[in-house]
Amino acid sequence: MADPHHIASVADLDALAAANKYLILDFWAEWCPPCKAIAPLFAKLSAELALPGAVAFGKVDVDEAPDVAAKFGVTAMPTFIVLTDGEAKGVRVGAGAAVAGGGVVTGDEGEVRLIRGADPRNLVALAHEVVRLAKEEGVGAAAAE
């Protein structure tokens, strides 16, 4: 469907968030080997799962867009954050979603706030869960599926 969006500024982020209910953001750096290792998977997930108006994937080079990284307190790469309606509220994952481990940061109510590290299982599970939520809610292009 779509390659990940390149986010170079807070304005880019705001525009993408305004056009999509959910964003899955990959905070990465050129000098980061784990970031390079997981980049093809992130691109594949974006191509297969992005739904216009519902779910978009974005890549944030922390050296190019330090203001975006600072907005979310990102200090380690790769970090994956899900935005809902433009905010890093996290998402509640269903019982069947296997998102767990040391790199998963959850909120007070069990919602997944972010994933640190390049564990492909967590990234895949989170991306599929976000798409499931969008379809369940009938958001954007997900409403037609």
C-alpha atoms as a PDB file:
ATOM      1  CA  MET A   1       0.000   0.000   0.000  1.00  0.00           C
ATOM      2  CA  ALA A   2       2.488   2.650   1.114  1.00  0.00           C
ATOM      3  CA  ASP A   3       6.097   3.204   2.086  1.00  0.00           C
ATOM      4  CA  PRO A   4       6.625   4.700   5.549  1.00  0.00           C
ATOM      5  CA  HIS A   5       6.287   8.483   5.622  1.00  0.00           C
ATOM      6  CA  HIS A   6       9.467  10.476   6.192  1.00  0.00           C
ATOM      7  CA  ILE A   7       8.956  12.776   9.188  1.00  0.00           C
ATOM      8  CA  ALA A   8      11.523  15.578   9.319  1.00  0.00           C
ATOM      9  CA  SER A   9       9.721  18.006  11.642  1.00  0.00           C
ATOM     10  CA  VAL A  10       6.909  18.419  14.131  1.00  0.00           C
ATOM     11  CA  ALA A  11       4.907  20.013  11.289  1.00  0.00           C
ATOM     12  CA  ASP A  12       5.323  16.820   9.206  1.00  0.00           C
ATOM     13  CA  LEU A  13       4.207  14.760  12.192  1.00  0.00           C
ATOM     14  CA  ASP A  14       1.197  16.987  12.843  1.00  0.00           C
ATOM     15  CA  ALA A  15       0.097  16.780   9.190  1.00  0.00           C
ATOM     16  CA  LEU A  16       0.333  12.984   9.170  1.00  0.00           C
ATOM     17  CA  ALA A  17      -1.478  12.738  12.515  1.00  0.00           C
ATOM     18  CA  ALA A  18      -4.269  15.003  11.253  1.00  0.00           C
ATOM     19  CA  ALA A  19      -4.814  12.686   8.280  1.00  0.00           C
ATOM     20  CA  ASN A  20      -4.755   9.353  10.170  1.00  0.00           C
ATOM     21  CA  LYS A  21      -6.342   8.026  13.370  1.00  0.00           C
ATOM     22  CA  TYR A  22      -3.304   5.875  14.202  1.00  0.00           C
ATOM     23  CA  LEU A  23       0.396   6.401  13.518  1.00  0.00           C
ATOM     24  CA  ILE A  24       3.116   3.858  14.127  1.00  0.00           C
ATOM     25  CA  LEU A  25       6.390   5.748  14.387  1.00  0.00           C
ATOM     26  CA  ASP A  26       9.888   4.306  14.025  1.00  0.00           C
ATOM     27  CA  PHE A  27      12.502   6.479  15.740  1.00  0.00           C
ATOM     28  CA  TRP A  28      15.830   5.484  14.231  1.00  0.00           C
ATOM     29  CA  ALA A  29      19.361   6.700  13.477  1.00  0.00           C
ATOM     30  CA  GLU A  30      21.682   6.082  10.539  1.00  0.00           C
ATOM     31  CA  TRP A  31      24.463   4.931  12.888  1.00  0.00           C
ATOM     32  CA  CYS A  32      22.207   2.377  14.679  1.00  0.00           C
ATOM     33  CA  PRO A  33      22.753  -1.256  13.516  1.00  0.00           C
ATOM     34  CA  PRO A  34      19.522  -2.596  15.130  1.00  0.00           C
ATOM     35  CA  CYS A  35      17.601   0.202  13.371  1.00  0.00           C
ATOM     36  CA  LYS A  36      18.996  -0.914  10.024  1.00  0.00           C
ATOM     37  CA  ALA A  37      18.217  -4.541  10.820  1.00  0.00           C
ATOM     38  CA  ILE A  38      14.514  -3.923  11.480  1.00  0.00           C
ATOM     39  CA  ALA A  39      13.991  -1.272   8.766  1.00  0.00           C
ATOM     40  CA  PRO A  40      12.988  -3.782   6.032  1.00  0.00           C
ATOM     41  CA  LEU A  41      10.336  -5.286   8.314  1.00  0.00           C
ATOM     42  CA  PHE A  42       8.940  -1.832   9.153  1.00  0.00           C
ATOM     43  CA  ALA A  43       8.783  -1.013   5.419  1.00  0.00           C
ATOM     44  CA  LYS A  44       7.048  -4.338   4.720  1.00  0.00           C
ATOM     45  CA  LEU A  45       4.478  -3.730   7.470  1.00  0.00           C
ATOM     46  CA  SER A  46       3.829  -0.254   6.092  1.00  0.00           C
ATOM     47  CA  ALA A  47       3.365  -1.598   2.560  1.00  0.00           C
ATOM     48  CA  GLU A  48       1.017  -4.353   3.715  1.00  0.00           C
ATOM     49  CA  LEU A  49      -0.937  -2.720   6.536  1.00  0.00           C
ATOM     50  CA  ALA A  50      -1.206   1.055   5.991  1.00  0.00           C
ATOM     51  CA  LEU A  51      -4.828   2.160   5.598  1.00  0.00           C
ATOM     52  CA  PRO A  52      -5.416   5.719   4.311  1.00  0.00           C
ATOM     53  CA  GLY A  53      -7.113   7.837   6.943  1.00  0.00           C
ATOM     54  CA  ALA A  54      -6.758   5.085   9.512  1.00  0.00           C
ATOM     55  CA  VAL A  55      -3.218   3.725   9.958  1.00  0.00           C
ATOM     56  CA  ALA A  56       0.032   5.276   8.734  1.00  0.00           C
ATOM     57  CA  PHE A  57       3.654   4.381   9.351  1.00  0.00           C
ATOM     58  CA  GLY A  58       6.293   7.074   9.820  1.00  0.00           C
ATOM     59  CA  LYS A  59      10.065   7.084  10.165  1.00  0.00           C
ATOM     60  CA  VAL A  60      11.791   9.710  12.294  1.00  0.00           C
ATOM     61  CA  ASP A  61      15.572  10.062  11.952  1.00  0.00           C
ATOM     62  CA  VAL A  62      16.422  11.323  15.444  1.00  0.00           C
ATOM     63  CA  ASP A  63      19.487  13.201  14.169  1.00  0.00           C
ATOM     64  CA  GLU A  64      17.483  14.975  11.459  1.00  0.00           C
ATOM     65  CA  ALA A  65      14.408  15.656  13.624  1.00  0.00           C
ATOM     66  CA  PRO A  66      15.618  15.957  17.233  1.00  0.00           C
ATOM     67  CA  ASP A  67      12.564  18.079  18.068  1.00  0.00           C
ATOM     68  CA  VAL A  68      10.248  15.186  17.211  1.00  0.00           C
ATOM     69  CA  ALA A  69      12.335  12.741  19.267  1.00  0.00           C
ATOM     70  CA  ALA A  70      12.391  15.185  22.194  1.00  0.00           C
ATOM     71  CA  LYS A  71       8.612  15.615  22.027  1.00  0.00           C
ATOM     72  CA  PHE A  72       8.261  11.933  22.953  1.00  0.00           C
ATOM     73  CA  GLY A  73      11.348  11.635  25.162  1.00  0.00           C
ATOM     74  CA  VAL A  74      13.036   9.192  22.788  1.00  0.00           C
ATOM     75  CA  THR A  75      16.639   8.573  23.817  1.00  0.00           C
ATOM     76  CA  ALA A  76      17.251   5.005  22.584  1.00  0.00           C
ATOM     77  CA  MET A  77      16.878   3.622  19.104  1.00  0.00           C
ATOM     78  CA  PRO A  78      15.017   1.971  17.651  1.00  0.00           C
ATOM     79  CA  THR A  79      11.890   3.032  19.508  1.00  0.00           C
ATOM     80  CA  PHE A  80       8.404   2.466  18.131  1.00  0.00           C
ATOM     81  CA  ILE A  81       5.549   4.651  19.360  1.00  0.00           C
ATOM     82  CA  VAL A  82       1.863   4.470  18.461  1.00  0.00           C
ATOM     83  CA  LEU A  83      -0.090   7.718  18.291  1.00  0.00           C
ATOM     84  CA  THR A  84      -3.859   7.748  18.538  1.00  0.00           C
ATOM     85  CA  ASP A  85      -5.502  10.973  17.365  1.00  0.00           C
ATOM     86  CA  GLY A  86      -2.053  12.596  17.386  1.00  0.00           C
ATOM     87  CA  GLU A  87      -1.211  11.681  20.979  1.00  0.00           C
ATOM     88  CA  ALA A  88       1.029   8.997  22.436  1.00  0.00           C
ATOM     89  CA  LYS A  89      -1.780   7.482  24.483  1.00  0.00           C
ATOM     90  CA  GLY A  90      -0.785   3.953  23.610  1.00  0.00           C
ATOM     91  CA  VAL A  91      -3.156   1.252  22.477  1.00  0.00           C
ATOM     92  CA  ARG A  92      -4.862  -1.510  24.352  1.00  0.00           C
ATOM     93  CA  VAL A  93      -3.945  -4.822  22.876  1.00  0.00           C
ATOM     94  CA  GLY A  94      -6.309  -7.758  22.764  1.00  0.00           C
ATOM     95  CA  ALA A  95      -5.665 -10.958  24.648  1.00  0.00           C
ATOM     96  CA  GLY A  96      -4.444 -12.638  21.473  1.00  0.00           C
ATOM     97  CA  ALA A  97      -1.760 -10.034  20.731  1.00  0.00           C
ATOM     98  CA  ALA A  98       1.622 -11.271  21.904  1.00  0.00           C
ATOM     99  CA  VAL A  99       3.247  -7.930  22.718  1.00  0.00           C
ATOM    100  CA  ALA A 100       5.481  -8.488  25.717  1.00  0.00           C
ATOM    101  CA  GLY A 101       9.015  -8.397  27.010  1.00  0.00           C
ATOM    102  CA  GLY A 102      11.609  -6.071  28.428  1.00  0.00           C
ATOM    103  CA  GLY A 103      11.363  -3.525  25.625  1.00  0.00           C
ATOM    104  CA  VAL A 104       7.610  -3.006  25.920  1.00  0.00           C
ATOM    105  CA  VAL A 105       6.517  -0.001  27.986  1.00  0.00           C
ATOM    106  CA  THR A 106       2.906  -0.041  29.141  1.00  0.00           C
ATOM    107  CA  GLY A 107       0.717   2.578  30.791  1.00  0.00           C
ATOM    108  CA  ASP A 108      -1.296   2.396  33.996  1.00  0.00           C
ATOM    109  CA  GLU A 109      -4.174   0.606  32.269  1.00  0.00           C
ATOM    110  CA  GLY A 110      -2.017  -1.921  30.412  1.00  0.00           C
ATOM    111  CA  GLU A 111      -1.948  -0.052  27.113  1.00  0.00           C
ATOM    112  CA  VAL A 112       1.235  -0.422  25.048  1.00  0.00           C
ATOM    113  CA  ARG A 113       2.918   2.989  25.042  1.00  0.00           C
ATOM    114  CA  LEU A 114       6.081   2.141  23.141  1.00  0.00           C
ATOM    115  CA  ILE A 115       8.501  -0.578  22.164  1.00  0.00           C
ATOM    116  CA  ARG A 116      12.241  -0.127  22.597  1.00  0.00           C
ATOM    117  CA  GLY A 117      14.548  -2.342  20.609  1.00  0.00           C
ATOM    118  CA  ALA A 118      14.379  -4.340  17.423  1.00  0.00           C
ATOM    119  CA  ASP A 119      12.285  -7.338  18.476  1.00  0.00           C
ATOM    120  CA  PRO A 120      10.380  -8.163  15.283  1.00  0.00           C
ATOM    121  CA  ARG A 121       7.696 -10.180  17.106  1.00  0.00           C
ATOM    122  CA  ASN A 122       6.610  -7.178  19.165  1.00  0.00           C
ATOM    123  CA  LEU A 123       6.594  -4.831  16.174  1.00  0.00           C
ATOM    124  CA  VAL A 124       4.551  -7.242  14.047  1.00  0.00           C
ATOM    125  CA  ALA A 125       2.080  -7.946  16.860  1.00  0.00           C
ATOM    126  CA  LEU A 126       1.634  -4.243  17.620  1.00  0.00           C
ATOM    127  CA  ALA A 127       1.148  -3.275  13.958  1.00  0.00           C
ATOM    128  CA  HIS A 128      -1.472  -5.973  13.436  1.00  0.00           C
ATOM    129  CA  GLU A 129      -3.252  -4.957  16.630  1.00  0.00           C
ATOM    130  CA  VAL A 130      -3.424  -1.304  15.528  1.00  0.00           C
ATOM    131  CA  VAL A 131      -4.896  -2.351  12.167  1.00  0.00           C
ATOM    132  CA  ARG A 132      -7.412  -4.591  13.950  1.00  0.00           C
ATOM    133  CA  LEU A 133      -8.480  -1.650  16.124  1.00  0.00           C
ATOM    134  CA  ALA A 134      -8.854   0.634  13.096  1.00  0.00           C
ATOM    135  CA  LYS A 135     -11.004  -1.947  11.315  1.00  0.00           C
ATOM    136  CA  GLU A 136     -13.067  -2.567  14.433  1.00  0.00           C
ATOM    137  CA  GLU A 137     -13.680   1.178  14.754  1.00  0.00           C
ATOM    138  CA  GLY A 138     -14.397   1.575  11.022  1.00  0.00           C
ATOM    139  CA  VAL A 139     -11.880   4.398  10.608  1.00  0.00           C
ATOM    140  CA  GLY A 140     -10.817   5.783   7.197  1.00  0.00           C
ATOM    141  CA  ALA A 141     -10.036   3.120   4.592  1.00  0.00           C
ATOM    142  CA  ALA A 142     -10.529   0.487   7.289  1.00  0.00           C
ATOM    143  CA  ALA A 143     -14.263   1.226   7.148  1.00  0.00           C
ATOM    144  CA  ALA A 144     -14.405  -0.242   3.646  1.00  0.00           C
ATOM    145  CA  GLU A 145     -12.719  -3.521   4.624  1.00  0.00           C
END
